[in-house]
Amino acid sequence: MRGRPPIGYFSGVRRLLLLVTVLAAASGCGKTMTEEDCRKVGDNMRSIWLAEAKKATPPGGPASEKAPAVIRSEADKVGADWAVECKKELEGRRVDGKEMECLLKATTIAEIHKCSEL
């Protein structure tokens, strides 16, 4: 079908999103990453995931009834995966304040990628 992402697209994007975010946040120094910071970034990643997935989901069709539940489920996984990685890899460590600010202001996956370039 035209306009549909390939099978496995969303899980690959989810892994990429997590990897880029962890690498971006871990690469600098400036402030200590707290549990609250992890939660805020995770909440933003979840919101970004929902918005990006909604854009990629074709309207109508028999799968459209299931799509919102699947998208929310994947968004929840993004948030949960981030929380685990953040706690394990970043909480209590120094991170770049500019990158944190960037991650919290990001509204797309592309903007998250740009945060790692700061």
C-alpha atoms as a PDB file:
ATOM      1  CA  MET A   1       0.000   0.000   0.000  1.00  0.00           C
ATOM      2  CA  ARG A   2       1.212   3.467  -0.789  1.00  0.00           C
ATOM      3  CA  GLY A   3       1.883   5.804   2.087  1.00  0.00           C
ATOM      4  CA  ARG A   4       2.142   3.063   4.676  1.00  0.00           C
ATOM      5  CA  PRO A   5       5.357   2.592   6.633  1.00  0.00           C
ATOM      6  CA  PRO A   6       7.020  -0.809   6.235  1.00  0.00           C
ATOM      7  CA  ILE A   7       6.476  -3.534   8.824  1.00  0.00           C
ATOM      8  CA  GLY A   8       8.784  -2.970  11.761  1.00  0.00           C
ATOM      9  CA  TYR A   9       9.145   0.747  10.996  1.00  0.00           C
ATOM     10  CA  PHE A  10       7.775   1.934  14.315  1.00  0.00           C
ATOM     11  CA  SER A  11       9.843  -0.424  16.467  1.00  0.00           C
ATOM     12  CA  GLY A  12      12.973   0.643  14.582  1.00  0.00           C
ATOM     13  CA  VAL A  13      12.119   4.309  15.014  1.00  0.00           C
ATOM     14  CA  ARG A  14      11.445   3.704  18.711  1.00  0.00           C
ATOM     15  CA  ARG A  15      14.881   2.115  19.191  1.00  0.00           C
ATOM     16  CA  LEU A  16      16.549   4.916  17.241  1.00  0.00           C
ATOM     17  CA  LEU A  17      14.724   7.548  19.260  1.00  0.00           C
ATOM     18  CA  LEU A  18      15.906   5.995  22.518  1.00  0.00           C
ATOM     19  CA  LEU A  19      19.485   5.566  21.341  1.00  0.00           C
ATOM     20  CA  VAL A  20      19.826   9.120  20.041  1.00  0.00           C
ATOM     21  CA  THR A  21      18.309  10.557  23.191  1.00  0.00           C
ATOM     22  CA  VAL A  22      20.530   8.572  25.545  1.00  0.00           C
ATOM     23  CA  LEU A  23      23.648   9.437  23.560  1.00  0.00           C
ATOM     24  CA  ALA A  24      22.696  13.099  23.359  1.00  0.00           C
ATOM     25  CA  ALA A  25      21.976  13.417  27.049  1.00  0.00           C
ATOM     26  CA  ALA A  26      25.036  11.434  28.128  1.00  0.00           C
ATOM     27  CA  SER A  27      27.563  13.266  26.007  1.00  0.00           C
ATOM     28  CA  GLY A  28      28.041  16.439  27.989  1.00  0.00           C
ATOM     29  CA  CYS A  29      28.332  17.990  31.376  1.00  0.00           C
ATOM     30  CA  GLY A  30      26.510  20.875  32.963  1.00  0.00           C
ATOM     31  CA  LYS A  31      23.729  19.591  35.204  1.00  0.00           C
ATOM     32  CA  THR A  32      22.978  16.431  37.104  1.00  0.00           C
ATOM     33  CA  MET A  33      20.235  14.319  35.565  1.00  0.00           C
ATOM     34  CA  THR A  34      17.447  13.748  38.073  1.00  0.00           C
ATOM     35  CA  GLU A  35      14.521  11.352  38.175  1.00  0.00           C
ATOM     36  CA  GLU A  36      12.285  14.328  37.358  1.00  0.00           C
ATOM     37  CA  ASP A  37      14.443  15.154  34.303  1.00  0.00           C
ATOM     38  CA  CYS A  38      14.127  11.550  33.145  1.00  0.00           C
ATOM     39  CA  ARG A  39      10.355  11.748  33.551  1.00  0.00           C
ATOM     40  CA  LYS A  40      10.089  15.044  31.652  1.00  0.00           C
ATOM     41  CA  VAL A  41      12.176  13.814  28.721  1.00  0.00           C
ATOM     42  CA  GLY A  42      10.248  10.527  28.706  1.00  0.00           C
ATOM     43  CA  ASP A  43       6.915  12.370  28.647  1.00  0.00           C
ATOM     44  CA  ASN A  44       8.119  14.505  25.750  1.00  0.00           C
ATOM     45  CA  MET A  45       9.387  11.466  23.850  1.00  0.00           C
ATOM     46  CA  ARG A  46       5.998   9.805  24.333  1.00  0.00           C
ATOM     47  CA  SER A  47       4.239  12.905  22.959  1.00  0.00           C
ATOM     48  CA  ILE A  48       6.600  13.058  19.986  1.00  0.00           C
ATOM     49  CA  TRP A  49       6.076   9.368  19.299  1.00  0.00           C
ATOM     50  CA  LEU A  50       2.283   9.798  19.332  1.00  0.00           C
ATOM     51  CA  ALA A  51       2.440  12.775  16.963  1.00  0.00           C
ATOM     52  CA  GLU A  52       4.873  11.104  14.528  1.00  0.00           C
ATOM     53  CA  ALA A  53       2.965   7.813  14.515  1.00  0.00           C
ATOM     54  CA  LYS A  54      -0.332   9.590  13.949  1.00  0.00           C
ATOM     55  CA  LYS A  55       1.137  11.355  10.900  1.00  0.00           C
ATOM     56  CA  ALA A  56       2.348   8.028   9.460  1.00  0.00           C
ATOM     57  CA  THR A  57      -0.939   6.177  10.024  1.00  0.00           C
ATOM     58  CA  PRO A  58      -3.158   6.119   6.937  1.00  0.00           C
ATOM     59  CA  PRO A  59      -6.758   7.177   7.577  1.00  0.00           C
ATOM     60  CA  GLY A  60      -9.636   4.760   7.070  1.00  0.00           C
ATOM     61  CA  GLY A  61      -9.477   1.067   6.316  1.00  0.00           C
ATOM     62  CA  PRO A  62     -10.111  -1.928   8.557  1.00  0.00           C
ATOM     63  CA  ALA A  63      -6.980  -1.410  10.635  1.00  0.00           C
ATOM     64  CA  SER A  64      -7.967   2.143  11.562  1.00  0.00           C
ATOM     65  CA  GLU A  65     -10.010   0.901  14.515  1.00  0.00           C
ATOM     66  CA  LYS A  66      -6.992  -0.840  16.032  1.00  0.00           C
ATOM     67  CA  ALA A  67      -4.403   1.775  15.091  1.00  0.00           C
ATOM     68  CA  PRO A  68      -4.992   4.232  17.982  1.00  0.00           C
ATOM     69  CA  ALA A  69      -4.590   1.484  20.590  1.00  0.00           C
ATOM     70  CA  VAL A  70      -1.431   0.158  18.932  1.00  0.00           C
ATOM     71  CA  ILE A  71       0.016   3.659  18.650  1.00  0.00           C
ATOM     72  CA  ARG A  72      -0.705   4.416  22.322  1.00  0.00           C
ATOM     73  CA  SER A  73       0.809   1.085  23.317  1.00  0.00           C
ATOM     74  CA  GLU A  74       4.003   1.820  21.380  1.00  0.00           C
ATOM     75  CA  ALA A  75       4.133   5.331  22.861  1.00  0.00           C
ATOM     76  CA  ASP A  76       3.873   3.834  26.340  1.00  0.00           C
ATOM     77  CA  LYS A  77       6.757   1.496  25.474  1.00  0.00           C
ATOM     78  CA  VAL A  78       8.862   4.459  24.354  1.00  0.00           C
ATOM     79  CA  GLY A  79       8.249   6.172  27.682  1.00  0.00           C
ATOM     80  CA  ALA A  80       8.883   3.012  29.698  1.00  0.00           C
ATOM     81  CA  ASP A  81      12.042   2.106  27.751  1.00  0.00           C
ATOM     82  CA  TRP A  82      13.347   5.634  28.208  1.00  0.00           C
ATOM     83  CA  ALA A  83      12.665   5.508  31.967  1.00  0.00           C
ATOM     84  CA  VAL A  84      14.650   2.274  32.334  1.00  0.00           C
ATOM     85  CA  GLU A  85      17.579   3.509  30.225  1.00  0.00           C
ATOM     86  CA  CYS A  86      17.625   6.928  31.856  1.00  0.00           C
ATOM     87  CA  LYS A  87      17.657   5.500  35.367  1.00  0.00           C
ATOM     88  CA  LYS A  88      20.372   3.005  34.457  1.00  0.00           C
ATOM     89  CA  GLU A  89      22.587   5.236  32.297  1.00  0.00           C
ATOM     90  CA  LEU A  90      21.936   8.881  33.180  1.00  0.00           C
ATOM     91  CA  GLU A  91      20.273   9.522  36.525  1.00  0.00           C
ATOM     92  CA  GLY A  92      22.748  11.124  38.920  1.00  0.00           C
ATOM     93  CA  ARG A  93      25.261  11.860  36.144  1.00  0.00           C
ATOM     94  CA  ARG A  94      26.238  15.156  34.598  1.00  0.00           C
ATOM     95  CA  VAL A  95      24.575  16.028  31.300  1.00  0.00           C
ATOM     96  CA  ASP A  96      24.765  19.000  28.953  1.00  0.00           C
ATOM     97  CA  GLY A  97      22.132  21.557  29.950  1.00  0.00           C
ATOM     98  CA  LYS A  98      21.737  22.777  26.356  1.00  0.00           C
ATOM     99  CA  GLU A  99      21.026  19.269  25.128  1.00  0.00           C
ATOM    100  CA  MET A 100      18.519  18.696  27.936  1.00  0.00           C
ATOM    101  CA  GLU A 101      16.750  21.924  27.045  1.00  0.00           C
ATOM    102  CA  CYS A 102      16.749  20.884  23.401  1.00  0.00           C
ATOM    103  CA  LEU A 103      15.308  17.442  24.212  1.00  0.00           C
ATOM    104  CA  LEU A 104      12.549  19.007  26.293  1.00  0.00           C
ATOM    105  CA  LYS A 105      11.641  21.506  23.561  1.00  0.00           C
ATOM    106  CA  ALA A 106      11.799  19.012  20.676  1.00  0.00           C
ATOM    107  CA  THR A 107       8.507  18.334  18.919  1.00  0.00           C
ATOM    108  CA  THR A 108       9.684  15.867  16.238  1.00  0.00           C
ATOM    109  CA  ILE A 109      12.104  12.968  15.927  1.00  0.00           C
ATOM    110  CA  ALA A 110      14.191  15.124  13.577  1.00  0.00           C
ATOM    111  CA  GLU A 111      14.529  17.764  16.296  1.00  0.00           C
ATOM    112  CA  ILE A 112      15.675  15.096  18.768  1.00  0.00           C
ATOM    113  CA  HIS A 113      18.354  14.061  16.272  1.00  0.00           C
ATOM    114  CA  LYS A 114      19.500  17.706  16.068  1.00  0.00           C
ATOM    115  CA  CYS A 115      19.850  17.810  19.865  1.00  0.00           C
ATOM    116  CA  SER A 116      22.668  15.269  19.619  1.00  0.00           C
ATOM    117  CA  GLU A 117      24.584  17.679  17.379  1.00  0.00           C
ATOM    118  CA  LEU A 118      24.789  20.448  19.991  1.00  0.00           C
END
